[in-house]
PDB file of N, CA and C in Angstrom:
ATOM      1  N   MET A   1     -39.924  -8.498 -25.696  1.00  0.00           N
ATOM      2  CA  MET A   1     -38.378  -8.433 -25.048  1.00  0.00           C
ATOM      3  C   MET A   1     -39.094  -7.336 -24.059  1.00  0.00           C
ATOM      4  N   THR A   2     -39.421  -7.355 -22.590  1.00  0.00           N
ATOM      5  CA  THR A   2     -39.474  -6.473 -21.676  1.00  0.00           C
ATOM      6  C   THR A   2     -38.578  -5.950 -21.128  1.00  0.00           C
ATOM      7  N   TYR A   3     -38.870  -4.275 -21.313  1.00  0.00           N
ATOM      8  CA  TYR A   3     -37.888  -3.315 -20.594  1.00  0.00           C
ATOM      9  C   TYR A   3     -37.862  -3.234 -19.109  1.00  0.00           C
ATOM     10  N   LYS A   4     -36.567  -3.442 -18.327  1.00  0.00           N
ATOM     11  CA  LYS A   4     -36.521  -3.175 -16.846  1.00  0.00           C
ATOM     12  C   LYS A   4     -35.771  -1.665 -16.718  1.00  0.00           C
ATOM     13  N   ASN A   5     -36.464  -1.473 -16.054  1.00  0.00           N
ATOM     14  CA  ASN A   5     -35.615   0.202 -15.531  1.00  0.00           C
ATOM     15  C   ASN A   5     -34.438  -0.171 -14.852  1.00  0.00           C
ATOM     16  N   PRO A   6     -33.499   0.490 -14.914  1.00  0.00           N
ATOM     17  CA  PRO A   6     -32.202   0.780 -14.428  1.00  0.00           C
ATOM     18  C   PRO A   6     -32.406   0.920 -12.921  1.00  0.00           C
ATOM     19  N   GLN A   7     -31.422   0.265 -11.869  1.00  0.00           N
ATOM     20  CA  GLN A   7     -31.622  -0.031 -10.658  1.00  0.00           C
ATOM     21  C   GLN A   7     -30.952   1.001 -10.007  1.00  0.00           C
ATOM     22  N   LYS A   8     -29.806   1.866 -10.582  1.00  0.00           N
ATOM     23  CA  LYS A   8     -28.854   2.470 -10.211  1.00  0.00           C
ATOM     24  C   LYS A   8     -28.340   3.715 -10.789  1.00  0.00           C
ATOM     25  N   PHE A   9     -27.653   5.005 -10.234  1.00  0.00           N
ATOM     26  CA  PHE A   9     -27.516   5.914 -10.914  1.00  0.00           C
ATOM     27  C   PHE A   9     -25.934   6.278 -10.245  1.00  0.00           C
ATOM     28  N   ASP A  10     -25.322   7.447 -11.235  1.00  0.00           N
ATOM     29  CA  ASP A  10     -24.043   7.892 -10.412  1.00  0.00           C
ATOM     30  C   ASP A  10     -23.981   9.267 -11.093  1.00  0.00           C
ATOM     31  N   LEU A  11     -23.967  10.241 -10.240  1.00  0.00           N
ATOM     32  CA  LEU A  11     -23.591  11.762 -10.535  1.00  0.00           C
ATOM     33  C   LEU A  11     -22.228  12.043 -10.364  1.00  0.00           C
ATOM     34  N   LYS A  12     -21.885  12.974 -11.502  1.00  0.00           N
ATOM     35  CA  LYS A  12     -20.702  13.462 -11.972  1.00  0.00           C
ATOM     36  C   LYS A  12     -20.509  14.927 -11.601  1.00  0.00           C
ATOM     37  N   ILE A  13     -19.980  15.403 -10.543  1.00  0.00           N
ATOM     38  CA  ILE A  13     -20.224  17.030 -10.208  1.00  0.00           C
ATOM     39  C   ILE A  13     -18.893  17.503 -10.554  1.00  0.00           C
ATOM     40  N   ARG A  14     -18.841  18.465 -11.242  1.00  0.00           N
ATOM     41  CA  ARG A  14     -17.285  19.245 -11.226  1.00  0.00           C
ATOM     42  C   ARG A  14     -17.933  20.814 -11.199  1.00  0.00           C
ATOM     43  N   LEU A  15     -16.499  21.491 -10.245  1.00  0.00           N
ATOM     44  CA  LEU A  15     -17.197  22.666 -10.047  1.00  0.00           C
ATOM     45  C   LEU A  15     -15.873  23.219 -11.208  1.00  0.00           C
ATOM     46  N   TYR A  16     -16.275  24.756 -11.492  1.00  0.00           N
ATOM     47  CA  TYR A  16     -15.446  25.355 -12.117  1.00  0.00           C
ATOM     48  C   TYR A  16     -15.880  26.834 -12.484  1.00  0.00           C
ATOM     49  N   ASN A  17     -14.855  27.701 -12.827  1.00  0.00           N
ATOM     50  CA  ASN A  17     -15.261  29.135 -13.761  1.00  0.00           C
ATOM     51  C   ASN A  17     -15.145  28.906 -15.115  1.00  0.00           C
ATOM     52  N   GLN A  18     -14.255  28.282 -15.514  1.00  0.00           N
ATOM     53  CA  GLN A  18     -13.862  28.472 -17.259  1.00  0.00           C
ATOM     54  C   GLN A  18     -13.983  27.164 -17.651  1.00  0.00           C
ATOM     55  N   GLU A  19     -12.977  25.720 -16.824  1.00  0.00           N
ATOM     56  CA  GLU A  19     -12.400  24.691 -16.832  1.00  0.00           C
ATOM     57  C   GLU A  19     -13.284  23.847 -16.502  1.00  0.00           C
ATOM     58  N   LYS A  20     -13.603  22.759 -16.709  1.00  0.00           N
ATOM     59  CA  LYS A  20     -14.053  21.537 -15.731  1.00  0.00           C
ATOM     60  C   LYS A  20     -12.908  20.913 -14.724  1.00  0.00           C
ATOM     61  N   SER A  21     -12.722  22.173 -14.037  1.00  0.00           N
ATOM     62  CA  SER A  21     -11.387  21.885 -13.030  1.00  0.00           C
ATOM     63  C   SER A  21     -11.229  21.012 -11.691  1.00  0.00           C
ATOM     64  N   PHE A  22     -12.317  21.365 -11.201  1.00  0.00           N
ATOM     65  CA  PHE A  22     -12.422  20.436  -9.582  1.00  0.00           C
ATOM     66  C   PHE A  22     -13.503  19.802  -9.671  1.00  0.00           C
ATOM     67  N   GLY A  23     -13.270  17.954  -9.544  1.00  0.00           N
ATOM     68  CA  GLY A  23     -14.075  17.317  -9.506  1.00  0.00           C
ATOM     69  C   GLY A  23     -13.888  16.273  -8.381  1.00  0.00           C
ATOM     70  N   LYS A  24     -13.948  14.794  -8.631  1.00  0.00           N
ATOM     71  CA  LYS A  24     -13.723  13.723  -7.911  1.00  0.00           C
ATOM     72  C   LYS A  24     -11.952  13.696  -7.654  1.00  0.00           C
ATOM     73  N   GLY A  25     -11.336  13.481  -8.691  1.00  0.00           N
ATOM     74  CA  GLY A  25     -10.096  13.168  -8.618  1.00  0.00           C
ATOM     75  C   GLY A  25      -8.928  14.735  -7.477  1.00  0.00           C
ATOM     76  N   VAL A  26      -9.545  16.080  -7.670  1.00  0.00           N
ATOM     77  CA  VAL A  26      -9.009  16.564  -7.107  1.00  0.00           C
ATOM     78  C   VAL A  26      -9.470  16.829  -5.689  1.00  0.00           C
ATOM     79  N   TYR A  27     -10.576  16.173  -5.556  1.00  0.00           N
ATOM     80  CA  TYR A  27     -11.273  16.098  -4.088  1.00  0.00           C
ATOM     81  C   TYR A  27     -10.355  15.360  -3.275  1.00  0.00           C
ATOM     82  N   GLU A  28     -10.185  13.852  -3.834  1.00  0.00           N
ATOM     83  CA  GLU A  28      -9.318  12.940  -3.196  1.00  0.00           C
ATOM     84  C   GLU A  28      -7.838  13.363  -3.258  1.00  0.00           C
ATOM     85  N   LEU A  29      -7.535  13.964  -4.057  1.00  0.00           N
ATOM     86  CA  LEU A  29      -6.041  14.382  -3.497  1.00  0.00           C
ATOM     87  C   LEU A  29      -6.313  15.460  -2.673  1.00  0.00           C
ATOM     88  N   MET A  30      -6.953  16.395  -2.668  1.00  0.00           N
ATOM     89  CA  MET A  30      -6.891  17.402  -1.468  1.00  0.00           C
ATOM     90  C   MET A  30      -7.052  16.386  -0.110  1.00  0.00           C
ATOM     91  N   LYS A  31      -8.137  15.551   0.215  1.00  0.00           N
ATOM     92  CA  LYS A  31      -8.546  14.848   1.427  1.00  0.00           C
ATOM     93  C   LYS A  31      -7.329  14.060   1.772  1.00  0.00           C
ATOM     94  N   LYS A  32      -6.398  13.025   0.842  1.00  0.00           N
ATOM     95  CA  LYS A  32      -5.588  12.320   1.191  1.00  0.00           C
ATOM     96  C   LYS A  32      -4.364  13.487   1.616  1.00  0.00           C
ATOM     97  N   THR A  33      -4.109  14.763   1.282  1.00  0.00           N
ATOM     98  CA  THR A  33      -2.874  15.233   1.753  1.00  0.00           C
ATOM     99  C   THR A  33      -3.682  15.782   3.059  1.00  0.00           C
ATOM    100  N   GLN A  34      -4.833  16.150   3.220  1.00  0.00           N
ATOM    101  CA  GLN A  34      -5.053  16.396   4.320  1.00  0.00           C
ATOM    102  C   GLN A  34      -4.842  15.432   5.579  1.00  0.00           C
ATOM    103  N   SER A  35      -5.581  14.205   5.144  1.00  0.00           N
ATOM    104  CA  SER A  35      -4.872  13.195   5.972  1.00  0.00           C
ATOM    105  C   SER A  35      -3.168  12.901   6.072  1.00  0.00           C
ATOM    106  N   PHE A  36      -2.267  12.577   5.054  1.00  0.00           N
ATOM    107  CA  PHE A  36      -1.449  12.461   5.501  1.00  0.00           C
ATOM    108  C   PHE A  36      -0.305  13.843   5.497  1.00  0.00           C
ATOM    109  N   GLY A  37      -1.000  15.046   5.379  1.00  0.00           N
ATOM    110  CA  GLY A  37       0.133  16.115   5.663  1.00  0.00           C
ATOM    111  C   GLY A  37       0.979  16.275   4.651  1.00  0.00           C
ATOM    112  N   SER A  38       0.462  15.865   3.687  1.00  0.00           N
ATOM    113  CA  SER A  38       1.722  15.811   2.566  1.00  0.00           C
ATOM    114  C   SER A  38       1.243  15.375   0.888  1.00  0.00           C
ATOM    115  N   LEU A  39       1.282  16.363   0.403  1.00  0.00           N
ATOM    116  CA  LEU A  39       0.962  16.144  -1.169  1.00  0.00           C
ATOM    117  C   LEU A  39       1.532  14.366  -1.819  1.00  0.00           C
ATOM    118  N   SER A  40       2.990  14.749  -1.486  1.00  0.00           N
ATOM    119  CA  SER A  40       3.690  13.623  -2.181  1.00  0.00           C
ATOM    120  C   SER A  40       2.696  12.107  -1.487  1.00  0.00           C
ATOM    121  N   GLY A  41       2.573  12.163  -0.355  1.00  0.00           N
ATOM    122  CA  GLY A  41       1.882  10.868   0.245  1.00  0.00           C
ATOM    123  C   GLY A  41       0.214  10.773  -0.298  1.00  0.00           C
ATOM    124  N   ALA A  42      -0.248  11.621  -0.681  1.00  0.00           N
ATOM    125  CA  ALA A  42      -1.631  11.730  -1.021  1.00  0.00           C
ATOM    126  C   ALA A  42      -1.916  11.159  -2.415  1.00  0.00           C
ATOM    127  N   TYR A  43      -0.458  11.504  -3.433  1.00  0.00           N
ATOM    128  CA  TYR A  43      -0.514  11.351  -5.059  1.00  0.00           C
ATOM    129  C   TYR A  43       0.419   9.793  -5.023  1.00  0.00           C
ATOM    130  N   LYS A  44       1.084   9.544  -4.062  1.00  0.00           N
ATOM    131  CA  LYS A  44       1.258   8.120  -4.068  1.00  0.00           C
ATOM    132  C   LYS A  44       0.398   6.836  -3.709  1.00  0.00           C
ATOM    133  N   ALA A  45      -0.317   7.628  -2.664  1.00  0.00           N
ATOM    134  CA  ALA A  45      -1.480   6.648  -2.183  1.00  0.00           C
ATOM    135  C   ALA A  45      -2.715   6.316  -3.887  1.00  0.00           C
ATOM    136  N   MET A  46      -2.781   7.558  -4.362  1.00  0.00           N
ATOM    137  CA  MET A  46      -3.253   6.991  -5.057  1.00  0.00           C
ATOM    138  C   MET A  46      -2.798   6.766  -6.669  1.00  0.00           C
ATOM    139  N   LYS A  47      -1.543   6.301  -6.509  1.00  0.00           N
ATOM    140  CA  LYS A  47      -1.033   5.700  -7.522  1.00  0.00           C
ATOM    141  C   LYS A  47      -0.868   6.564  -8.561  1.00  0.00           C
ATOM    142  N   MET A  48      -0.843   8.504  -8.544  1.00  0.00           N
ATOM    143  CA  MET A  48      -0.537   9.094  -9.278  1.00  0.00           C
ATOM    144  C   MET A  48       1.007   9.493  -9.581  1.00  0.00           C
ATOM    145  N   SER A  49       1.033  10.191 -10.411  1.00  0.00           N
ATOM    146  CA  SER A  49       2.646  10.660 -10.715  1.00  0.00           C
ATOM    147  C   SER A  49       2.320  11.858  -9.993  1.00  0.00           C
ATOM    148  N   ASN A  50       3.269  12.898  -9.691  1.00  0.00           N
ATOM    149  CA  ASN A  50       3.797  13.708  -9.270  1.00  0.00           C
ATOM    150  C   ASN A  50       3.600  14.931 -10.256  1.00  0.00           C
ATOM    151  N   SER A  51       3.936  14.821 -11.295  1.00  0.00           N
ATOM    152  CA  SER A  51       3.350  15.916 -12.085  1.00  0.00           C
ATOM    153  C   SER A  51       1.673  15.750 -12.485  1.00  0.00           C
ATOM    154  N   LYS A  52       1.326  14.910 -12.368  1.00  0.00           N
ATOM    155  CA  LYS A  52       0.090  15.065 -12.623  1.00  0.00           C
ATOM    156  C   LYS A  52      -1.023  15.692 -11.708  1.00  0.00           C
ATOM    157  N   ALA A  53      -0.129  14.836 -10.184  1.00  0.00           N
ATOM    158  CA  ALA A  53      -1.112  15.940  -9.276  1.00  0.00           C
ATOM    159  C   ALA A  53      -0.854  17.243  -8.901  1.00  0.00           C
ATOM    160  N   TRP A  54       0.343  17.529  -9.124  1.00  0.00           N
ATOM    161  CA  TRP A  54       0.603  19.099  -9.543  1.00  0.00           C
ATOM    162  C   TRP A  54      -0.008  19.717 -10.730  1.00  0.00           C
ATOM    163  N   LYS A  55      -0.469  19.085 -11.970  1.00  0.00           N
ATOM    164  CA  LYS A  55      -1.062  19.463 -12.876  1.00  0.00           C
ATOM    165  C   LYS A  55      -2.546  19.658 -12.504  1.00  0.00           C
ATOM    166  N   ILE A  56      -3.091  18.895 -11.709  1.00  0.00           N
ATOM    167  CA  ILE A  56      -4.470  19.284 -11.845  1.00  0.00           C
ATOM    168  C   ILE A  56      -4.621  19.742 -10.667  1.00  0.00           C
ATOM    169  N   LEU A  57      -4.004  20.064  -9.917  1.00  0.00           N
ATOM    170  CA  LEU A  57      -4.378  20.983  -8.439  1.00  0.00           C
ATOM    171  C   LEU A  57      -4.003  22.073  -8.597  1.00  0.00           C
ATOM    172  N   LYS A  58      -2.991  22.525  -9.716  1.00  0.00           N
ATOM    173  CA  LYS A  58      -2.772  23.978 -10.643  1.00  0.00           C
ATOM    174  C   LYS A  58      -3.726  24.550 -11.354  1.00  0.00           C
ATOM    175  N   ARG A  59      -4.343  23.535 -12.026  1.00  0.00           N
ATOM    176  CA  ARG A  59      -5.402  24.222 -13.207  1.00  0.00           C
ATOM    177  C   ARG A  59      -6.646  24.529 -12.254  1.00  0.00           C
ATOM    178  N   ALA A  60      -6.687  23.746 -11.172  1.00  0.00           N
ATOM    179  CA  ALA A  60      -7.997  23.933 -10.255  1.00  0.00           C
ATOM    180  C   ALA A  60      -8.202  25.044  -9.537  1.00  0.00           C
ATOM    181  N   GLU A  61      -6.491  25.180  -8.677  1.00  0.00           N
ATOM    182  CA  GLU A  61      -6.538  26.625  -8.540  1.00  0.00           C
ATOM    183  C   GLU A  61      -6.580  27.871  -9.495  1.00  0.00           C
ATOM    184  N   GLU A  62      -5.872  28.114 -10.650  1.00  0.00           N
ATOM    185  CA  GLU A  62      -5.986  28.563 -11.650  1.00  0.00           C
ATOM    186  C   GLU A  62      -7.369  28.910 -11.979  1.00  0.00           C
ATOM    187  N   ASP A  63      -7.981  27.973 -12.213  1.00  0.00           N
ATOM    188  CA  ASP A  63      -9.499  28.488 -12.783  1.00  0.00           C
ATOM    189  C   ASP A  63     -10.434  28.747 -11.575  1.00  0.00           C
ATOM    190  N   LEU A  64     -10.279  28.050 -10.144  1.00  0.00           N
ATOM    191  CA  LEU A  64     -11.236  28.481  -9.430  1.00  0.00           C
ATOM    192  C   LEU A  64     -10.451  30.090  -8.781  1.00  0.00           C
ATOM    193  N   ASP A  65      -9.103  30.263  -8.815  1.00  0.00           N
ATOM    194  CA  ASP A  65      -9.044  31.451  -8.285  1.00  0.00           C
ATOM    195  C   ASP A  65      -8.606  31.760  -6.863  1.00  0.00           C
ATOM    196  N   MET A  66      -8.130  30.592  -6.426  1.00  0.00           N
ATOM    197  CA  MET A  66      -7.882  30.506  -4.898  1.00  0.00           C
ATOM    198  C   MET A  66      -6.776  29.180  -4.805  1.00  0.00           C
ATOM    199  N   PRO A  67      -5.929  29.781  -3.687  1.00  0.00           N
ATOM    200  CA  PRO A  67      -4.870  28.673  -3.569  1.00  0.00           C
ATOM    201  C   PRO A  67      -5.558  27.448  -2.851  1.00  0.00           C
ATOM    202  N   LEU A  68      -5.106  26.334  -3.123  1.00  0.00           N
ATOM    203  CA  LEU A  68      -5.988  24.938  -2.458  1.00  0.00           C
ATOM    204  C   LEU A  68      -5.139  24.315  -1.471  1.00  0.00           C
ATOM    205  N   VAL A  69      -3.632  24.462  -1.634  1.00  0.00           N
ATOM    206  CA  VAL A  69      -2.766  23.442  -0.692  1.00  0.00           C
ATOM    207  C   VAL A  69      -1.280  24.479  -1.052  1.00  0.00           C
ATOM    208  N   GLU A  70      -0.917  24.499   0.275  1.00  0.00           N
ATOM    209  CA  GLU A  70       0.232  25.268   0.286  1.00  0.00           C
ATOM    210  C   GLU A  70       1.222  24.398   0.983  1.00  0.00           C
ATOM    211  N   ARG A  71       2.595  24.908   0.483  1.00  0.00           N
ATOM    212  CA  ARG A  71       3.567  23.945   0.775  1.00  0.00           C
ATOM    213  C   ARG A  71       4.364  24.350   2.195  1.00  0.00           C
ATOM    214  N   ILE A  72       4.929  23.028   2.956  1.00  0.00           N
ATOM    215  CA  ILE A  72       5.569  23.577   4.272  1.00  0.00           C
ATOM    216  C   ILE A  72       7.131  23.193   4.117  1.00  0.00           C
ATOM    217  N   SER A  73       7.924  24.143   4.278  1.00  0.00           N
ATOM    218  CA  SER A  73       8.975  23.866   3.910  1.00  0.00           C
ATOM    219  C   SER A  73       9.772  23.060   4.719  1.00  0.00           C
ATOM    220  N   GLY A  74      10.919  22.199   4.574  1.00  0.00           N
ATOM    221  CA  GLY A  74      11.193  21.506   5.434  1.00  0.00           C
ATOM    222  C   GLY A  74      11.930  21.784   6.766  1.00  0.00           C
ATOM    223  N   GLY A  75      13.396  21.468   6.800  1.00  0.00           N
ATOM    224  CA  GLY A  75      13.941  21.780   8.601  1.00  0.00           C
ATOM    225  C   GLY A  75      13.829  20.515   9.562  1.00  0.00           C
ATOM    226  N   LYS A  76      14.167  20.568  10.181  1.00  0.00           N
ATOM    227  CA  LYS A  76      14.383  19.491  11.119  1.00  0.00           C
ATOM    228  C   LYS A  76      13.427  18.331  11.499  1.00  0.00           C
ATOM    229  N   ASP A  77      11.880  18.815  11.427  1.00  0.00           N
ATOM    230  CA  ASP A  77      11.002  17.817  11.237  1.00  0.00           C
ATOM    231  C   ASP A  77       9.997  17.809   9.762  1.00  0.00           C
ATOM    232  N   GLY A  78      11.069  18.094   8.821  1.00  0.00           N
ATOM    233  CA  GLY A  78      10.729  17.469   7.608  1.00  0.00           C
ATOM    234  C   GLY A  78       9.895  18.816   7.199  1.00  0.00           C
ATOM    235  N   GLY A  79       9.355  18.598   5.330  1.00  0.00           N
ATOM    236  CA  GLY A  79       8.613  19.420   5.110  1.00  0.00           C
ATOM    237  C   GLY A  79       7.224  18.875   4.853  1.00  0.00           C
ATOM    238  N   GLY A  80       6.361  19.348   4.306  1.00  0.00           N
ATOM    239  CA  GLY A  80       4.683  19.049   3.827  1.00  0.00           C
ATOM    240  C   GLY A  80       4.189  19.741   3.164  1.00  0.00           C
ATOM    241  N   SER A  81       2.904  19.376   3.374  1.00  0.00           N
ATOM    242  CA  SER A  81       1.795  20.199   2.487  1.00  0.00           C
ATOM    243  C   SER A  81       0.369  19.838   3.164  1.00  0.00           C
ATOM    244  N   LYS A  82      -0.122  21.272   3.133  1.00  0.00           N
ATOM    245  CA  LYS A  82      -1.339  21.340   4.129  1.00  0.00           C
ATOM    246  C   LYS A  82      -2.282  22.174   3.306  1.00  0.00           C
ATOM    247  N   LEU A  83      -3.696  22.088   3.184  1.00  0.00           N
ATOM    248  CA  LEU A  83      -4.647  22.748   3.072  1.00  0.00           C
ATOM    249  C   LEU A  83      -4.971  24.383   3.009  1.00  0.00           C
ATOM    250  N   THR A  84      -5.059  24.876   2.416  1.00  0.00           N
ATOM    251  CA  THR A  84      -5.190  26.403   2.587  1.00  0.00           C
ATOM    252  C   THR A  84      -6.537  26.941   3.559  1.00  0.00           C
ATOM    253  N   GLN A  85      -6.867  27.677   3.919  1.00  0.00           N
ATOM    254  CA  GLN A  85      -8.042  27.817   4.692  1.00  0.00           C
ATOM    255  C   GLN A  85      -9.294  27.694   3.691  1.00  0.00           C
ATOM    256  N   GLU A  86      -9.171  28.621   2.246  1.00  0.00           N
ATOM    257  CA  GLU A  86      -9.755  28.231   0.718  1.00  0.00           C
ATOM    258  C   GLU A  86     -10.154  26.621   0.632  1.00  0.00           C
ATOM    259  N   GLY A  87      -9.013  26.015   0.952  1.00  0.00           N
ATOM    260  CA  GLY A  87      -8.874  24.810   0.623  1.00  0.00           C
ATOM    261  C   GLY A  87     -10.052  23.669   1.343  1.00  0.00           C
ATOM    262  N   GLU A  88     -10.110  24.149   2.497  1.00  0.00           N
ATOM    263  CA  GLU A  88     -10.700  23.702   3.577  1.00  0.00           C
ATOM    264  C   GLU A  88     -12.130  23.790   3.380  1.00  0.00           C
ATOM    265  N   GLU A  89     -12.365  24.997   3.384  1.00  0.00           N
ATOM    266  CA  GLU A  89     -13.945  25.463   3.233  1.00  0.00           C
ATOM    267  C   GLU A  89     -14.382  24.634   1.751  1.00  0.00           C
ATOM    268  N   LEU A  90     -13.882  25.071   0.690  1.00  0.00           N
ATOM    269  CA  LEU A  90     -13.992  24.487  -0.344  1.00  0.00           C
ATOM    270  C   LEU A  90     -14.557  23.086  -0.341  1.00  0.00           C
ATOM    271  N   LEU A  91     -13.721  22.511   0.273  1.00  0.00           N
ATOM    272  CA  LEU A  91     -13.875  20.305   0.375  1.00  0.00           C
ATOM    273  C   LEU A  91     -15.154  20.541   1.197  1.00  0.00           C
ATOM    274  N   GLU A  92     -15.375  21.430   2.088  1.00  0.00           N
ATOM    275  CA  GLU A  92     -16.623  21.291   2.971  1.00  0.00           C
ATOM    276  C   GLU A  92     -17.902  21.607   2.728  1.00  0.00           C
ATOM    277  N   LYS A  93     -17.373  22.982   1.621  1.00  0.00           N
ATOM    278  CA  LYS A  93     -18.877  23.009   0.335  1.00  0.00           C
ATOM    279  C   LYS A  93     -18.981  22.075  -0.479  1.00  0.00           C
ATOM    280  N   TYR A  94     -18.095  21.411  -1.229  1.00  0.00           N
ATOM    281  CA  TYR A  94     -17.984  20.382  -1.864  1.00  0.00           C
ATOM    282  C   TYR A  94     -19.053  19.201  -1.590  1.00  0.00           C
ATOM    283  N   GLU A  95     -18.226  18.701  -0.479  1.00  0.00           N
ATOM    284  CA  GLU A  95     -18.859  17.876   0.082  1.00  0.00           C
ATOM    285  C   GLU A  95     -20.430  17.874   0.595  1.00  0.00           C
ATOM    286  N   LYS A  96     -20.694  18.905   1.007  1.00  0.00           N
ATOM    287  CA  LYS A  96     -22.135  19.029   1.548  1.00  0.00           C
ATOM    288  C   LYS A  96     -22.993  19.325   0.266  1.00  0.00           C
ATOM    289  N   PHE A  97     -22.384  19.831  -0.673  1.00  0.00           N
ATOM    290  CA  PHE A  97     -23.026  19.868  -2.141  1.00  0.00           C
ATOM    291  C   PHE A  97     -23.523  18.619  -2.832  1.00  0.00           C
ATOM    292  N   ILE A  98     -22.333  17.802  -2.790  1.00  0.00           N
ATOM    293  CA  ILE A  98     -22.341  16.157  -3.521  1.00  0.00           C
ATOM    294  C   ILE A  98     -23.509  15.827  -2.443  1.00  0.00           C
ATOM    295  N   GLN A  99     -23.295  15.510  -1.003  1.00  0.00           N
ATOM    296  CA  GLN A  99     -24.154  15.236  -0.546  1.00  0.00           C
ATOM    297  C   GLN A  99     -26.232  15.201  -0.812  1.00  0.00           C
ATOM    298  N   GLU A 100     -25.717  16.829  -0.440  1.00  0.00           N
ATOM    299  CA  GLU A 100     -27.284  16.950  -1.108  1.00  0.00           C
ATOM    300  C   GLU A 100     -27.948  16.846  -2.013  1.00  0.00           C
ATOM    301  N   MET A 101     -26.922  16.645  -3.186  1.00  0.00           N
ATOM    302  CA  MET A 101     -27.236  16.587  -4.824  1.00  0.00           C
ATOM    303  C   MET A 101     -27.679  14.881  -4.607  1.00  0.00           C
ATOM    304  N   ASN A 102     -26.863  13.988  -4.110  1.00  0.00           N
ATOM    305  CA  ASN A 102     -27.110  12.587  -4.103  1.00  0.00           C
ATOM    306  C   ASN A 102     -28.225  12.445  -3.291  1.00  0.00           C
ATOM    307  N   GLU A 103     -28.876  12.849  -2.250  1.00  0.00           N
ATOM    308  CA  GLU A 103     -30.069  12.774  -1.527  1.00  0.00           C
ATOM    309  C   GLU A 103     -31.026  13.000  -2.546  1.00  0.00           C
ATOM    310  N   TYR A 104     -30.610  14.348  -3.067  1.00  0.00           N
ATOM    311  CA  TYR A 104     -32.376  14.660  -4.236  1.00  0.00           C
ATOM    312  C   TYR A 104     -32.247  13.534  -5.140  1.00  0.00           C
ATOM    313  N   ALA A 105     -31.230  13.252  -5.706  1.00  0.00           N
ATOM    314  CA  ALA A 105     -31.483  12.351  -6.900  1.00  0.00           C
ATOM    315  C   ALA A 105     -31.787  10.958  -6.589  1.00  0.00           C
ATOM    316  N   LYS A 106     -31.408  10.216  -5.472  1.00  0.00           N
ATOM    317  CA  LYS A 106     -32.157   9.258  -4.899  1.00  0.00           C
ATOM    318  C   LYS A 106     -33.164   9.848  -5.433  1.00  0.00           C
ATOM    319  N   ILE A 107     -34.038  10.208  -4.905  1.00  0.00           N
ATOM    320  CA  ILE A 107     -35.706  10.582  -4.604  1.00  0.00           C
ATOM    321  C   ILE A 107     -36.137  10.490  -5.807  1.00  0.00           C
ATOM    322  N   ARG A 108     -35.762  11.406  -6.816  1.00  0.00           N
ATOM    323  CA  ARG A 108     -36.229  11.905  -8.234  1.00  0.00           C
ATOM    324  C   ARG A 108     -35.927  10.371  -8.978  1.00  0.00           C
ATOM    325  N   PHE A 109     -34.681   9.758  -8.785  1.00  0.00           N
ATOM    326  CA  PHE A 109     -34.722   8.486  -9.224  1.00  0.00           C
ATOM    327  C   PHE A 109     -35.617   7.636  -9.378  1.00  0.00           C
ATOM    328  N   LYS A 110     -35.713   7.042  -7.526  1.00  0.00           N
ATOM    329  CA  LYS A 110     -37.148   6.658  -7.151  1.00  0.00           C
ATOM    330  C   LYS A 110     -38.034   6.651  -8.146  1.00  0.00           C
ATOM    331  N   GLU A 111     -38.441   8.199  -7.836  1.00  0.00           N
ATOM    332  CA  GLU A 111     -40.112   8.595  -8.898  1.00  0.00           C
ATOM    333  C   GLU A 111     -39.669   8.303 -10.049  1.00  0.00           C
ATOM    334  N   ILE A 112     -38.831   8.574 -10.723  1.00  0.00           N
ATOM    335  CA  ILE A 112     -38.891   8.611 -12.227  1.00  0.00           C
ATOM    336  C   ILE A 112     -38.834   6.900 -12.492  1.00  0.00           C
ATOM    337  N   PHE A 113     -38.132   6.247 -11.725  1.00  0.00           N
ATOM    338  CA  PHE A 113     -37.683   4.580 -12.641  1.00  0.00           C
ATOM    339  C   PHE A 113     -38.396   3.907 -11.749  1.00  0.00           C
ATOM    340  N   GLU A 114     -38.785   4.049 -10.508  1.00  0.00           N
ATOM    341  CA  GLU A 114     -39.359   2.889  -9.951  1.00  0.00           C
ATOM    342  C   GLU A 114     -40.368   1.967 -10.757  1.00  0.00           C
ATOM    343  N   ASP A 115     -40.470   0.633 -10.993  1.00  0.00           N
ATOM    344  CA  ASP A 115     -41.569   0.048 -11.351  1.00  0.00           C
ATOM    345  C   ASP A 115     -42.859   0.429 -10.484  1.00  0.00           C
ATOM    346  N   GLU A 116     -43.876   0.642 -11.295  1.00  0.00           N
ATOM    347  CA  GLU A 116     -45.127   0.748 -11.059  1.00  0.00           C
ATOM    348  C   GLU A 116     -46.194  -0.093 -10.438  1.00  0.00           C
TER     349      GLU A 116
END
């Protein structure tokens, strides 16, 4: 039997203080909230329930000790949600960290698993 090196890898990166609270799911929810201007639009696009969306968002906010999304009250123009300044900064830093870790991981993966 001939051993063949793996050709692909996947990194799972989560940020947290006490609980593994911020990862791909919360990131995507926040990005879609940013795009839609609405948390409900975001979780519906992700086919996620309202309760699950709020649960994962609240867990991340509590663990990271920062507000990530704020509600905008209704009125004639309707309500919505937007990222807080802290939420926007966290997304930017998370994206940069993910990008840099993936670039480094690709190099190391190739060094370690490339056929000689």
